[in-house]
Amino acid sequence: MTDTTDAPAVAVEHADHAGPHGYASDKEAYLKRMRRIEGQVRGIARMIDEDVYCIDILTQVSAVTKALQAVSIGLVEDHLGHCVVDAARQSEEEGAAKVKEAADAIARLVRS
Protein backbone atom coordinates (compact mmCIF):
# COMPACT_ATOMS: atom_id res chain seq x y z
CA MET A 1 0.00 0.00 0.00
CA THR A 2 1.34 3.43 -0.90
CA ASP A 3 1.30 5.95 1.95
CA THR A 4 0.51 9.44 0.74
CA THR A 5 0.34 11.04 4.18
CA ASP A 6 3.80 12.49 3.65
CA ALA A 7 2.85 14.04 0.32
CA PRO A 8 3.16 17.82 0.54
CA ALA A 9 -0.08 19.72 0.47
CA VAL A 10 -0.11 22.40 -2.18
CA ALA A 11 -1.64 25.48 -0.64
CA VAL A 12 -0.80 28.62 -2.50
CA GLU A 13 -2.32 31.92 -1.53
CA HIS A 14 -2.61 34.58 -4.19
CA ALA A 15 -2.98 37.97 -2.57
CA ASP A 16 -2.84 39.67 -5.97
CA HIS A 17 -6.36 38.50 -6.82
CA ALA A 18 -8.89 41.21 -6.09
CA GLY A 19 -12.55 40.50 -5.48
CA PRO A 20 -14.37 37.19 -5.11
CA HIS A 21 -12.94 33.99 -6.49
CA GLY A 22 -14.44 32.44 -9.61
CA TYR A 23 -16.25 29.77 -7.64
CA ALA A 24 -17.92 32.28 -5.29
CA SER A 25 -21.33 32.00 -6.95
CA ASP A 26 -21.19 28.18 -6.63
CA LYS A 27 -19.55 28.05 -3.20
CA GLU A 28 -22.48 26.31 -1.48
CA ALA A 29 -22.70 23.70 -4.23
CA TYR A 30 -18.95 23.02 -3.95
CA LEU A 31 -19.20 22.71 -0.18
CA LYS A 32 -22.15 20.32 -0.52
CA ARG A 33 -20.20 18.17 -2.99
CA MET A 34 -17.14 18.16 -0.74
CA ARG A 35 -19.21 17.12 2.30
CA ARG A 36 -20.64 14.26 0.23
CA ILE A 37 -17.12 13.22 -0.80
CA GLU A 38 -15.96 13.48 2.82
CA GLY A 39 -18.76 11.08 3.79
CA GLN A 40 -17.72 8.69 1.03
CA VAL A 41 -14.12 8.72 2.28
CA ARG A 42 -15.28 8.00 5.84
CA GLY A 43 -17.34 5.14 4.39
CA ILE A 44 -14.22 3.72 2.72
CA ALA A 45 -12.33 3.86 6.01
CA ARG A 46 -15.24 2.05 7.67
CA MET A 47 -15.19 -0.58 4.91
CA ILE A 48 -11.48 -1.19 5.52
CA ASP A 49 -12.06 -1.39 9.26
CA GLU A 50 -14.82 -3.96 8.66
CA ASP A 51 -12.62 -6.04 6.32
CA VAL A 52 -14.88 -5.55 3.29
CA TYR A 53 -13.88 -7.25 0.04
CA CYS A 54 -11.04 -5.41 -1.78
CA ILE A 55 -12.91 -4.92 -5.04
CA ASP A 56 -15.84 -3.30 -3.26
CA ILE A 57 -13.47 -0.86 -1.57
CA LEU A 58 -11.75 -0.12 -4.89
CA THR A 59 -15.15 0.62 -6.44
CA GLN A 60 -15.78 3.23 -3.77
CA VAL A 61 -12.27 4.69 -4.17
CA SER A 62 -12.99 5.04 -7.88
CA ALA A 63 -16.25 6.85 -7.15
CA VAL A 64 -14.49 9.30 -4.80
CA THR A 65 -11.73 9.88 -7.34
CA LYS A 66 -14.27 10.70 -10.05
CA ALA A 67 -16.16 13.01 -7.70
CA LEU A 68 -12.96 14.90 -6.85
CA GLN A 69 -12.09 15.12 -10.54
CA ALA A 70 -15.50 16.66 -11.22
CA VAL A 71 -14.88 19.27 -8.51
CA SER A 72 -11.45 19.96 -9.99
CA ILE A 73 -12.84 20.46 -13.50
CA GLY A 74 -15.47 22.83 -12.16
CA LEU A 75 -12.86 24.86 -10.30
CA VAL A 76 -10.64 25.04 -13.38
CA GLU A 77 -13.58 26.21 -15.46
CA ASP A 78 -14.49 28.84 -12.87
CA HIS A 79 -10.86 29.98 -12.67
CA LEU A 80 -10.55 30.33 -16.44
CA GLY A 81 -13.89 32.09 -16.81
CA HIS A 82 -13.35 34.51 -13.96
CA CYS A 83 -9.78 34.93 -12.75
CA VAL A 84 -8.00 34.48 -16.08
CA VAL A 85 -10.51 36.63 -17.97
CA ASP A 86 -10.30 39.39 -15.34
CA ALA A 87 -6.50 39.33 -15.41
CA ALA A 88 -6.46 39.44 -19.22
CA ARG A 89 -8.66 42.53 -19.08
CA GLN A 90 -6.15 44.17 -16.72
CA SER A 91 -3.12 43.66 -18.95
CA GLU A 92 -1.52 41.22 -21.33
CA GLU A 93 1.16 40.40 -18.74
CA GLU A 94 -1.37 39.68 -15.98
CA GLY A 95 -3.41 37.57 -18.37
CA ALA A 96 -0.36 35.57 -19.40
CA ALA A 97 0.60 35.02 -15.75
CA LYS A 98 -2.89 33.69 -14.94
CA VAL A 99 -2.86 31.42 -17.99
CA LYS A 100 0.51 30.02 -16.83
CA GLU A 101 -0.88 29.55 -13.33
CA ALA A 102 -3.90 27.70 -14.73
CA ALA A 103 -1.72 25.55 -16.99
CA ASP A 104 0.47 24.61 -14.03
CA ALA A 105 -2.62 23.68 -11.98
CA ILE A 106 -3.97 21.56 -14.84
CA ALA A 107 -0.59 19.84 -15.17
CA ARG A 108 -0.71 18.95 -11.45
CA LEU A 109 -4.20 17.51 -11.92
CA VAL A 110 -3.15 15.46 -14.92
CA ARG A 111 -0.14 14.04 -13.04
CA SER A 112 -2.23 13.01 -10.03
C-alpha atoms as a PDB file:
ATOM      1  CA  MET A   1       0.000   0.000   0.000  1.00  0.00           C
ATOM      2  CA  THR A   2       1.344   3.431  -0.901  1.00  0.00           C
ATOM      3  CA  ASP A   3       1.301   5.946   1.947  1.00  0.00           C
ATOM      4  CA  THR A   4       0.513   9.444   0.740  1.00  0.00           C
ATOM      5  CA  THR A   5       0.335  11.036   4.177  1.00  0.00           C
ATOM      6  CA  ASP A   6       3.805  12.492   3.653  1.00  0.00           C
ATOM      7  CA  ALA A   7       2.851  14.043   0.318  1.00  0.00           C
ATOM      8  CA  PRO A   8       3.162  17.816   0.537  1.00  0.00           C
ATOM      9  CA  ALA A   9      -0.079  19.721   0.471  1.00  0.00           C
ATOM     10  CA  VAL A  10      -0.106  22.399  -2.184  1.00  0.00           C
ATOM     11  CA  ALA A  11      -1.643  25.485  -0.638  1.00  0.00           C
ATOM     12  CA  VAL A  12      -0.798  28.623  -2.499  1.00  0.00           C
ATOM     13  CA  GLU A  13      -2.324  31.918  -1.532  1.00  0.00           C
ATOM     14  CA  HIS A  14      -2.606  34.580  -4.194  1.00  0.00           C
ATOM     15  CA  ALA A  15      -2.980  37.968  -2.573  1.00  0.00           C
ATOM     16  CA  ASP A  16      -2.835  39.674  -5.973  1.00  0.00           C
ATOM     17  CA  HIS A  17      -6.355  38.504  -6.817  1.00  0.00           C
ATOM     18  CA  ALA A  18      -8.891  41.210  -6.086  1.00  0.00           C
ATOM     19  CA  GLY A  19     -12.551  40.497  -5.480  1.00  0.00           C
ATOM     20  CA  PRO A  20     -14.366  37.189  -5.108  1.00  0.00           C
ATOM     21  CA  HIS A  21     -12.941  33.993  -6.489  1.00  0.00           C
ATOM     22  CA  GLY A  22     -14.437  32.442  -9.611  1.00  0.00           C
ATOM     23  CA  TYR A  23     -16.249  29.771  -7.637  1.00  0.00           C
ATOM     24  CA  ALA A  24     -17.925  32.276  -5.287  1.00  0.00           C
ATOM     25  CA  SER A  25     -21.325  31.995  -6.949  1.00  0.00           C
ATOM     26  CA  ASP A  26     -21.188  28.176  -6.627  1.00  0.00           C
ATOM     27  CA  LYS A  27     -19.554  28.049  -3.203  1.00  0.00           C
ATOM     28  CA  GLU A  28     -22.482  26.311  -1.477  1.00  0.00           C
ATOM     29  CA  ALA A  29     -22.702  23.698  -4.233  1.00  0.00           C
ATOM     30  CA  TYR A  30     -18.950  23.022  -3.955  1.00  0.00           C
ATOM     31  CA  LEU A  31     -19.205  22.714  -0.180  1.00  0.00           C
ATOM     32  CA  LYS A  32     -22.149  20.321  -0.519  1.00  0.00           C
ATOM     33  CA  ARG A  33     -20.202  18.167  -2.988  1.00  0.00           C
ATOM     34  CA  MET A  34     -17.135  18.160  -0.740  1.00  0.00           C
ATOM     35  CA  ARG A  35     -19.213  17.119   2.298  1.00  0.00           C
ATOM     36  CA  ARG A  36     -20.641  14.257   0.234  1.00  0.00           C
ATOM     37  CA  ILE A  37     -17.119  13.215  -0.802  1.00  0.00           C
ATOM     38  CA  GLU A  38     -15.962  13.475   2.820  1.00  0.00           C
ATOM     39  CA  GLY A  39     -18.764  11.082   3.785  1.00  0.00           C
ATOM     40  CA  GLN A  40     -17.725   8.688   1.029  1.00  0.00           C
ATOM     41  CA  VAL A  41     -14.123   8.717   2.283  1.00  0.00           C
ATOM     42  CA  ARG A  42     -15.285   8.000   5.836  1.00  0.00           C
ATOM     43  CA  GLY A  43     -17.336   5.143   4.387  1.00  0.00           C
ATOM     44  CA  ILE A  44     -14.222   3.722   2.719  1.00  0.00           C
ATOM     45  CA  ALA A  45     -12.326   3.856   6.014  1.00  0.00           C
ATOM     46  CA  ARG A  46     -15.237   2.050   7.668  1.00  0.00           C
ATOM     47  CA  MET A  47     -15.190  -0.581   4.912  1.00  0.00           C
ATOM     48  CA  ILE A  48     -11.482  -1.187   5.515  1.00  0.00           C
ATOM     49  CA  ASP A  49     -12.058  -1.392   9.264  1.00  0.00           C
ATOM     50  CA  GLU A  50     -14.815  -3.958   8.663  1.00  0.00           C
ATOM     51  CA  ASP A  51     -12.615  -6.044   6.317  1.00  0.00           C
ATOM     52  CA  VAL A  52     -14.880  -5.547   3.293  1.00  0.00           C
ATOM     53  CA  TYR A  53     -13.877  -7.250   0.038  1.00  0.00           C
ATOM     54  CA  CYS A  54     -11.037  -5.412  -1.776  1.00  0.00           C
ATOM     55  CA  ILE A  55     -12.912  -4.915  -5.042  1.00  0.00           C
ATOM     56  CA  ASP A  56     -15.845  -3.304  -3.255  1.00  0.00           C
ATOM     57  CA  ILE A  57     -13.470  -0.856  -1.574  1.00  0.00           C
ATOM     58  CA  LEU A  58     -11.753  -0.119  -4.888  1.00  0.00           C
ATOM     59  CA  THR A  59     -15.149   0.616  -6.444  1.00  0.00           C
ATOM     60  CA  GLN A  60     -15.780   3.231  -3.770  1.00  0.00           C
ATOM     61  CA  VAL A  61     -12.273   4.693  -4.167  1.00  0.00           C
ATOM     62  CA  SER A  62     -12.985   5.044  -7.882  1.00  0.00           C
ATOM     63  CA  ALA A  63     -16.253   6.853  -7.152  1.00  0.00           C
ATOM     64  CA  VAL A  64     -14.491   9.302  -4.799  1.00  0.00           C
ATOM     65  CA  THR A  65     -11.732   9.882  -7.343  1.00  0.00           C
ATOM     66  CA  LYS A  66     -14.270  10.701 -10.049  1.00  0.00           C
ATOM     67  CA  ALA A  67     -16.164  13.008  -7.698  1.00  0.00           C
ATOM     68  CA  LEU A  68     -12.963  14.901  -6.848  1.00  0.00           C
ATOM     69  CA  GLN A  69     -12.088  15.124 -10.539  1.00  0.00           C
ATOM     70  CA  ALA A  70     -15.502  16.661 -11.220  1.00  0.00           C
ATOM     71  CA  VAL A  71     -14.878  19.268  -8.505  1.00  0.00           C
ATOM     72  CA  SER A  72     -11.449  19.965  -9.994  1.00  0.00           C
ATOM     73  CA  ILE A  73     -12.839  20.455 -13.496  1.00  0.00           C
ATOM     74  CA  GLY A  74     -15.473  22.827 -12.165  1.00  0.00           C
ATOM     75  CA  LEU A  75     -12.865  24.862 -10.299  1.00  0.00           C
ATOM     76  CA  VAL A  76     -10.637  25.035 -13.385  1.00  0.00           C
ATOM     77  CA  GLU A  77     -13.581  26.206 -15.464  1.00  0.00           C
ATOM     78  CA  ASP A  78     -14.486  28.840 -12.869  1.00  0.00           C
ATOM     79  CA  HIS A  79     -10.861  29.984 -12.675  1.00  0.00           C
ATOM     80  CA  LEU A  80     -10.554  30.330 -16.436  1.00  0.00           C
ATOM     81  CA  GLY A  81     -13.894  32.085 -16.813  1.00  0.00           C
ATOM     82  CA  HIS A  82     -13.348  34.506 -13.964  1.00  0.00           C
ATOM     83  CA  CYS A  83      -9.778  34.935 -12.745  1.00  0.00           C
ATOM     84  CA  VAL A  84      -8.001  34.480 -16.077  1.00  0.00           C
ATOM     85  CA  VAL A  85     -10.513  36.628 -17.973  1.00  0.00           C
ATOM     86  CA  ASP A  86     -10.303  39.389 -15.343  1.00  0.00           C
ATOM     87  CA  ALA A  87      -6.496  39.329 -15.409  1.00  0.00           C
ATOM     88  CA  ALA A  88      -6.455  39.439 -19.219  1.00  0.00           C
ATOM     89  CA  ARG A  89      -8.656  42.534 -19.082  1.00  0.00           C
ATOM     90  CA  GLN A  90      -6.151  44.175 -16.725  1.00  0.00           C
ATOM     91  CA  SER A  91      -3.125  43.660 -18.952  1.00  0.00           C
ATOM     92  CA  GLU A  92      -1.522  41.219 -21.329  1.00  0.00           C
ATOM     93  CA  GLU A  93       1.158  40.396 -18.737  1.00  0.00           C
ATOM     94  CA  GLU A  94      -1.365  39.676 -15.978  1.00  0.00           C
ATOM     95  CA  GLY A  95      -3.411  37.568 -18.368  1.00  0.00           C
ATOM     96  CA  ALA A  96      -0.355  35.571 -19.396  1.00  0.00           C
ATOM     97  CA  ALA A  97       0.597  35.018 -15.753  1.00  0.00           C
ATOM     98  CA  LYS A  98      -2.892  33.687 -14.941  1.00  0.00           C
ATOM     99  CA  VAL A  99      -2.858  31.420 -17.995  1.00  0.00           C
ATOM    100  CA  LYS A 100       0.512  30.019 -16.832  1.00  0.00           C
ATOM    101  CA  GLU A 101      -0.879  29.551 -13.332  1.00  0.00           C
ATOM    102  CA  ALA A 102      -3.905  27.698 -14.734  1.00  0.00           C
ATOM    103  CA  ALA A 103      -1.719  25.547 -16.993  1.00  0.00           C
ATOM    104  CA  ASP A 104       0.466  24.606 -14.028  1.00  0.00           C
ATOM    105  CA  ALA A 105      -2.619  23.681 -11.978  1.00  0.00           C
ATOM    106  CA  ILE A 106      -3.970  21.563 -14.842  1.00  0.00           C
ATOM    107  CA  ALA A 107      -0.588  19.840 -15.166  1.00  0.00           C
ATOM    108  CA  ARG A 108      -0.713  18.947 -11.449  1.00  0.00           C
ATOM    109  CA  LEU A 109      -4.204  17.509 -11.918  1.00  0.00           C
ATOM    110  CA  VAL A 110      -3.149  15.456 -14.918  1.00  0.00           C
ATOM    111  CA  ARG A 111      -0.143  14.037 -13.040  1.00  0.00           C
ATOM    112  CA  SER A 112      -2.228  13.015 -10.033  1.00  0.00           C
END
